[in-house]
Amino acid sequence: MGVDAVLYRLVRAGPGRGRPTCVAAGVVADPDDVLLDLLKRVRGGGRTPLLDRIDPLGELVVSAEAAPQLLAELRCLAEVARAPAEVDQVRRLTQLTRRCLTGREVEIRFEGD
């Protein structure tokens, strides 16, 4: 029951055509619950308020405007990452978040099972 991080790009259909469509532009999967294990180590310490809101059974949407905060909180995860799989997971999440910084009309969704 991992939490996948998905970078979505919002595609607008045109004026008067309704809501934008979301297209997945990148994924950091968490099939082995690596992210969840890392989150347990930092949760509640006051340094990761955004990451503390991730629900393993729900969804958390992080806008492009919140990406700088997410990057700062991912550094907290990097501090507690020990195993190679944990270090790699944080690295891939950081890369995905950096893409969110440079993109327009993008968001990251942490999607639980």
N, C-alpha and C. Protein backbone atom coordinates (compact mmCIF):
# COMPACT_ATOMS: atom_id res chain seq x y z
N MET A 1 0.84 -1.17 0.00
CA MET A 1 0.00 0.00 0.00
C MET A 1 0.89 1.24 0.00
N GLY A 2 1.59 1.48 -1.07
CA GLY A 2 2.48 2.63 -1.16
C GLY A 2 1.76 3.89 -1.60
N VAL A 3 2.51 4.96 -1.64
CA VAL A 3 2.00 6.24 -2.11
C VAL A 3 2.83 6.65 -3.32
N ASP A 4 2.19 6.72 -4.47
CA ASP A 4 2.87 7.14 -5.69
C ASP A 4 2.81 8.65 -5.82
N ALA A 5 3.86 9.25 -6.34
CA ALA A 5 3.88 10.68 -6.64
C ALA A 5 3.77 10.81 -8.16
N VAL A 6 2.76 11.55 -8.60
CA VAL A 6 2.50 11.70 -10.03
C VAL A 6 2.51 13.18 -10.37
N LEU A 7 3.32 13.53 -11.36
CA LEU A 7 3.35 14.89 -11.88
C LEU A 7 2.30 14.99 -12.98
N TYR A 8 1.35 15.89 -12.80
CA TYR A 8 0.30 16.10 -13.80
C TYR A 8 0.47 17.45 -14.46
N ARG A 9 0.24 17.46 -15.73
CA ARG A 9 0.21 18.70 -16.50
C ARG A 9 -1.24 18.99 -16.81
N LEU A 10 -1.67 20.22 -16.57
CA LEU A 10 -3.04 20.62 -16.85
C LEU A 10 -3.14 21.12 -18.29
N VAL A 11 -4.03 20.52 -19.04
CA VAL A 11 -4.20 20.87 -20.45
C VAL A 11 -5.56 21.54 -20.60
N ARG A 12 -5.53 22.74 -21.09
CA ARG A 12 -6.78 23.49 -21.29
C ARG A 12 -7.31 23.22 -22.71
N ALA A 13 -8.60 22.95 -22.79
CA ALA A 13 -9.23 22.62 -24.06
C ALA A 13 -9.53 23.87 -24.89
N GLY A 14 -9.60 25.00 -24.27
CA GLY A 14 -9.91 26.23 -24.99
C GLY A 14 -10.96 27.02 -24.24
N PRO A 15 -11.17 28.24 -24.65
CA PRO A 15 -12.13 29.08 -23.94
C PRO A 15 -13.55 28.51 -23.98
N GLY A 16 -14.18 28.50 -22.82
CA GLY A 16 -15.56 28.04 -22.73
C GLY A 16 -15.75 26.55 -22.86
N ARG A 17 -14.68 25.78 -22.76
CA ARG A 17 -14.80 24.32 -22.96
C ARG A 17 -14.69 23.55 -21.66
N GLY A 18 -14.90 24.21 -20.56
CA GLY A 18 -14.91 23.48 -19.28
C GLY A 18 -13.57 23.43 -18.60
N ARG A 19 -13.49 22.50 -17.68
CA ARG A 19 -12.31 22.36 -16.84
C ARG A 19 -11.14 21.77 -17.61
N PRO A 20 -9.92 22.09 -17.14
CA PRO A 20 -8.74 21.49 -17.80
C PRO A 20 -8.67 19.99 -17.56
N THR A 21 -8.02 19.31 -18.46
CA THR A 21 -7.77 17.88 -18.34
C THR A 21 -6.38 17.68 -17.75
N CYS A 22 -6.22 16.66 -16.94
CA CYS A 22 -4.92 16.35 -16.33
C CYS A 22 -4.28 15.19 -17.09
N VAL A 23 -3.02 15.37 -17.45
CA VAL A 23 -2.26 14.35 -18.15
C VAL A 23 -1.02 14.03 -17.32
N ALA A 24 -0.81 12.76 -17.03
CA ALA A 24 0.36 12.35 -16.25
C ALA A 24 1.62 12.61 -17.07
N ALA A 25 2.58 13.30 -16.44
CA ALA A 25 3.83 13.64 -17.13
C ALA A 25 5.04 13.00 -16.46
N GLY A 26 4.84 12.31 -15.36
CA GLY A 26 5.92 11.63 -14.66
C GLY A 26 5.39 10.96 -13.42
N VAL A 27 6.03 9.84 -13.04
CA VAL A 27 5.58 9.07 -11.89
C VAL A 27 6.77 8.58 -11.09
N VAL A 28 6.67 8.68 -9.77
CA VAL A 28 7.61 8.01 -8.88
C VAL A 28 6.76 7.03 -8.08
N ALA A 29 6.84 5.77 -8.47
CA ALA A 29 6.03 4.72 -7.83
C ALA A 29 6.65 4.33 -6.48
N ASP A 30 5.80 3.80 -5.61
CA ASP A 30 6.24 3.37 -4.28
C ASP A 30 5.67 1.98 -3.95
N PRO A 31 5.99 0.97 -4.79
CA PRO A 31 5.39 -0.34 -4.58
C PRO A 31 5.85 -1.04 -3.29
N ASP A 32 6.99 -0.66 -2.77
CA ASP A 32 7.51 -1.32 -1.57
C ASP A 32 7.37 -0.47 -0.31
N ASP A 33 6.53 0.56 -0.36
CA ASP A 33 6.25 1.42 0.80
C ASP A 33 7.47 2.16 1.33
N VAL A 34 8.43 2.42 0.46
CA VAL A 34 9.64 3.13 0.89
C VAL A 34 9.30 4.54 1.37
N LEU A 35 8.47 5.25 0.60
CA LEU A 35 8.08 6.60 0.99
C LEU A 35 7.32 6.58 2.32
N LEU A 36 6.41 5.65 2.47
CA LEU A 36 5.65 5.58 3.71
C LEU A 36 6.55 5.35 4.92
N ASP A 37 7.55 4.50 4.77
CA ASP A 37 8.49 4.25 5.87
C ASP A 37 9.28 5.51 6.22
N LEU A 38 9.70 6.25 5.19
CA LEU A 38 10.42 7.50 5.44
C LEU A 38 9.53 8.52 6.14
N LEU A 39 8.29 8.61 5.69
CA LEU A 39 7.36 9.57 6.28
C LEU A 39 7.12 9.29 7.76
N LYS A 40 7.08 8.03 8.14
CA LYS A 40 6.88 7.67 9.55
C LYS A 40 8.00 8.21 10.42
N ARG A 41 9.21 8.29 9.87
CA ARG A 41 10.36 8.75 10.65
C ARG A 41 10.37 10.26 10.88
N VAL A 42 9.74 11.01 9.98
CA VAL A 42 9.78 12.47 10.11
C VAL A 42 8.45 13.07 10.56
N ARG A 43 7.40 12.29 10.50
CA ARG A 43 6.05 12.79 10.78
C ARG A 43 5.94 13.36 12.20
N GLY A 44 5.30 14.50 12.28
CA GLY A 44 4.99 15.09 13.57
C GLY A 44 6.11 15.89 14.21
N GLY A 45 7.23 16.00 13.56
CA GLY A 45 8.35 16.75 14.13
C GLY A 45 8.28 18.24 13.85
N GLY A 46 7.30 18.67 13.06
CA GLY A 46 7.12 20.07 12.76
C GLY A 46 7.93 20.58 11.58
N ARG A 47 8.78 19.74 11.03
CA ARG A 47 9.63 20.17 9.90
C ARG A 47 9.04 19.83 8.55
N THR A 48 7.99 19.00 8.52
CA THR A 48 7.44 18.54 7.25
C THR A 48 5.90 18.66 7.24
N PRO A 49 5.37 19.86 7.42
CA PRO A 49 3.90 19.98 7.49
C PRO A 49 3.18 19.55 6.22
N LEU A 50 3.79 19.76 5.08
CA LEU A 50 3.18 19.35 3.81
C LEU A 50 3.20 17.83 3.69
N LEU A 51 4.35 17.23 3.90
CA LEU A 51 4.47 15.77 3.81
C LEU A 51 3.65 15.07 4.89
N ASP A 52 3.46 15.73 6.03
CA ASP A 52 2.65 15.13 7.10
C ASP A 52 1.21 14.93 6.68
N ARG A 53 0.78 15.65 5.67
CA ARG A 53 -0.61 15.55 5.21
C ARG A 53 -0.84 14.42 4.22
N ILE A 54 0.21 13.71 3.82
CA ILE A 54 0.04 12.59 2.89
C ILE A 54 -0.74 11.48 3.58
N ASP A 55 -1.78 11.02 2.89
CA ASP A 55 -2.66 9.98 3.40
C ASP A 55 -2.43 8.71 2.56
N PRO A 56 -2.02 7.60 3.18
CA PRO A 56 -1.77 6.39 2.40
C PRO A 56 -3.01 5.82 1.72
N LEU A 57 -4.18 6.32 2.09
CA LEU A 57 -5.42 5.85 1.47
C LEU A 57 -6.10 6.93 0.64
N GLY A 58 -5.49 8.09 0.55
CA GLY A 58 -6.13 9.20 -0.14
C GLY A 58 -5.20 9.87 -1.14
N GLU A 59 -5.44 11.16 -1.33
CA GLU A 59 -4.67 11.92 -2.31
C GLU A 59 -4.34 13.30 -1.74
N LEU A 60 -3.12 13.73 -1.97
CA LEU A 60 -2.70 15.08 -1.60
C LEU A 60 -2.19 15.76 -2.87
N VAL A 61 -2.77 16.91 -3.18
CA VAL A 61 -2.37 17.67 -4.36
C VAL A 61 -1.43 18.79 -3.92
N VAL A 62 -0.26 18.84 -4.54
CA VAL A 62 0.74 19.88 -4.26
C VAL A 62 0.87 20.73 -5.52
N SER A 63 0.50 21.98 -5.41
CA SER A 63 0.55 22.87 -6.57
C SER A 63 1.99 23.26 -6.88
N ALA A 64 2.20 23.82 -8.05
CA ALA A 64 3.53 24.29 -8.45
C ALA A 64 4.01 25.37 -7.48
N GLU A 65 3.11 26.16 -6.95
CA GLU A 65 3.48 27.21 -6.00
C GLU A 65 4.04 26.64 -4.70
N ALA A 66 3.61 25.43 -4.33
CA ALA A 66 4.08 24.80 -3.10
C ALA A 66 5.32 23.93 -3.32
N ALA A 67 5.79 23.83 -4.56
CA ALA A 67 6.96 22.99 -4.87
C ALA A 67 8.21 23.39 -4.09
N PRO A 68 8.51 24.69 -3.90
CA PRO A 68 9.70 25.04 -3.10
C PRO A 68 9.62 24.49 -1.66
N GLN A 69 8.42 24.54 -1.07
CA GLN A 69 8.25 23.98 0.27
C GLN A 69 8.45 22.47 0.25
N LEU A 70 7.92 21.82 -0.78
CA LEU A 70 8.09 20.37 -0.90
C LEU A 70 9.57 20.01 -1.03
N LEU A 71 10.33 20.77 -1.81
CA LEU A 71 11.76 20.52 -1.93
C LEU A 71 12.46 20.62 -0.58
N ALA A 72 12.10 21.63 0.21
CA ALA A 72 12.70 21.79 1.54
C ALA A 72 12.37 20.60 2.43
N GLU A 73 11.14 20.13 2.36
CA GLU A 73 10.74 19.00 3.19
C GLU A 73 11.37 17.70 2.71
N LEU A 74 11.61 17.57 1.42
CA LEU A 74 12.30 16.37 0.92
C LEU A 74 13.73 16.30 1.44
N ARG A 75 14.33 17.44 1.73
CA ARG A 75 15.67 17.43 2.35
C ARG A 75 15.61 16.78 3.73
N CYS A 76 14.50 16.96 4.43
CA CYS A 76 14.32 16.30 5.73
C CYS A 76 14.24 14.79 5.56
N LEU A 77 13.58 14.35 4.50
CA LEU A 77 13.53 12.91 4.21
C LEU A 77 14.92 12.39 3.88
N ALA A 78 15.69 13.18 3.14
CA ALA A 78 17.04 12.75 2.76
C ALA A 78 17.91 12.55 4.00
N GLU A 79 17.68 13.34 5.04
CA GLU A 79 18.46 13.22 6.27
C GLU A 79 18.23 11.90 6.98
N VAL A 80 17.03 11.31 6.83
CA VAL A 80 16.74 10.06 7.53
C VAL A 80 16.84 8.84 6.61
N ALA A 81 17.06 9.06 5.32
CA ALA A 81 17.18 7.94 4.37
C ALA A 81 18.49 7.19 4.63
N ARG A 82 18.38 5.89 4.80
CA ARG A 82 19.56 5.08 5.12
C ARG A 82 19.88 4.08 4.01
N ALA A 83 18.90 3.30 3.65
CA ALA A 83 19.09 2.24 2.65
C ALA A 83 19.18 2.85 1.25
N PRO A 84 19.88 2.17 0.34
CA PRO A 84 19.98 2.67 -1.03
C PRO A 84 18.61 2.93 -1.68
N ALA A 85 17.63 2.07 -1.41
CA ALA A 85 16.29 2.27 -1.99
C ALA A 85 15.65 3.55 -1.46
N GLU A 86 15.91 3.88 -0.20
CA GLU A 86 15.37 5.12 0.37
C GLU A 86 16.03 6.35 -0.25
N VAL A 87 17.34 6.30 -0.38
CA VAL A 87 18.08 7.41 -0.97
C VAL A 87 17.61 7.62 -2.41
N ASP A 88 17.43 6.53 -3.14
CA ASP A 88 16.97 6.62 -4.53
C ASP A 88 15.55 7.19 -4.61
N GLN A 89 14.69 6.78 -3.70
CA GLN A 89 13.31 7.29 -3.70
C GLN A 89 13.28 8.81 -3.48
N VAL A 90 14.07 9.29 -2.54
CA VAL A 90 14.13 10.73 -2.27
C VAL A 90 14.72 11.46 -3.47
N ARG A 91 15.73 10.89 -4.09
CA ARG A 91 16.34 11.50 -5.27
C ARG A 91 15.32 11.63 -6.40
N ARG A 92 14.56 10.57 -6.64
CA ARG A 92 13.57 10.60 -7.72
C ARG A 92 12.43 11.57 -7.40
N LEU A 93 12.02 11.64 -6.15
CA LEU A 93 10.98 12.61 -5.76
C LEU A 93 11.48 14.04 -5.93
N THR A 94 12.75 14.26 -5.61
CA THR A 94 13.34 15.59 -5.77
C THR A 94 13.37 15.99 -7.24
N GLN A 95 13.75 15.06 -8.11
CA GLN A 95 13.77 15.33 -9.55
C GLN A 95 12.37 15.66 -10.06
N LEU A 96 11.38 14.91 -9.61
CA LEU A 96 10.00 15.16 -10.03
C LEU A 96 9.54 16.54 -9.57
N THR A 97 9.90 16.89 -8.35
CA THR A 97 9.51 18.19 -7.80
C THR A 97 10.19 19.32 -8.55
N ARG A 98 11.44 19.13 -8.93
CA ARG A 98 12.14 20.16 -9.72
C ARG A 98 11.46 20.37 -11.07
N ARG A 99 10.92 19.32 -11.64
CA ARG A 99 10.16 19.46 -12.89
C ARG A 99 8.91 20.30 -12.66
N CYS A 100 8.33 20.17 -11.49
CA CYS A 100 7.15 20.95 -11.15
C CYS A 100 7.53 22.43 -11.02
N LEU A 101 8.72 22.70 -10.55
CA LEU A 101 9.19 24.09 -10.41
C LEU A 101 9.33 24.78 -11.75
N THR A 102 9.77 24.05 -12.75
CA THR A 102 10.06 24.65 -14.05
C THR A 102 8.87 24.61 -15.00
N GLY A 103 7.85 23.86 -14.64
CA GLY A 103 6.70 23.74 -15.52
C GLY A 103 5.63 24.76 -15.21
N ARG A 104 4.77 24.95 -16.17
CA ARG A 104 3.61 25.81 -15.95
C ARG A 104 2.38 24.93 -15.96
N GLU A 105 1.45 25.29 -15.10
CA GLU A 105 0.20 24.55 -14.98
C GLU A 105 0.46 23.06 -14.73
N VAL A 106 1.25 22.81 -13.70
CA VAL A 106 1.54 21.44 -13.28
C VAL A 106 1.26 21.31 -11.79
N GLU A 107 1.11 20.09 -11.36
CA GLU A 107 0.93 19.79 -9.95
C GLU A 107 1.41 18.37 -9.70
N ILE A 108 1.76 18.12 -8.44
CA ILE A 108 2.12 16.76 -8.03
C ILE A 108 1.02 16.24 -7.14
N ARG A 109 0.61 15.03 -7.41
CA ARG A 109 -0.39 14.37 -6.55
C ARG A 109 0.25 13.16 -5.91
N PHE A 110 0.17 13.10 -4.60
CA PHE A 110 0.58 11.91 -3.87
C PHE A 110 -0.67 11.05 -3.75
N GLU A 111 -0.65 9.91 -4.45
CA GLU A 111 -1.83 9.06 -4.57
C GLU A 111 -1.64 7.77 -3.80
N GLY A 112 -2.43 7.61 -2.75
CA GLY A 112 -2.40 6.37 -1.97
C GLY A 112 -3.22 5.28 -2.61
N ASP A 113 -3.07 4.08 -2.08
CA ASP A 113 -3.81 2.93 -2.61
C ASP A 113 -5.25 2.94 -2.15
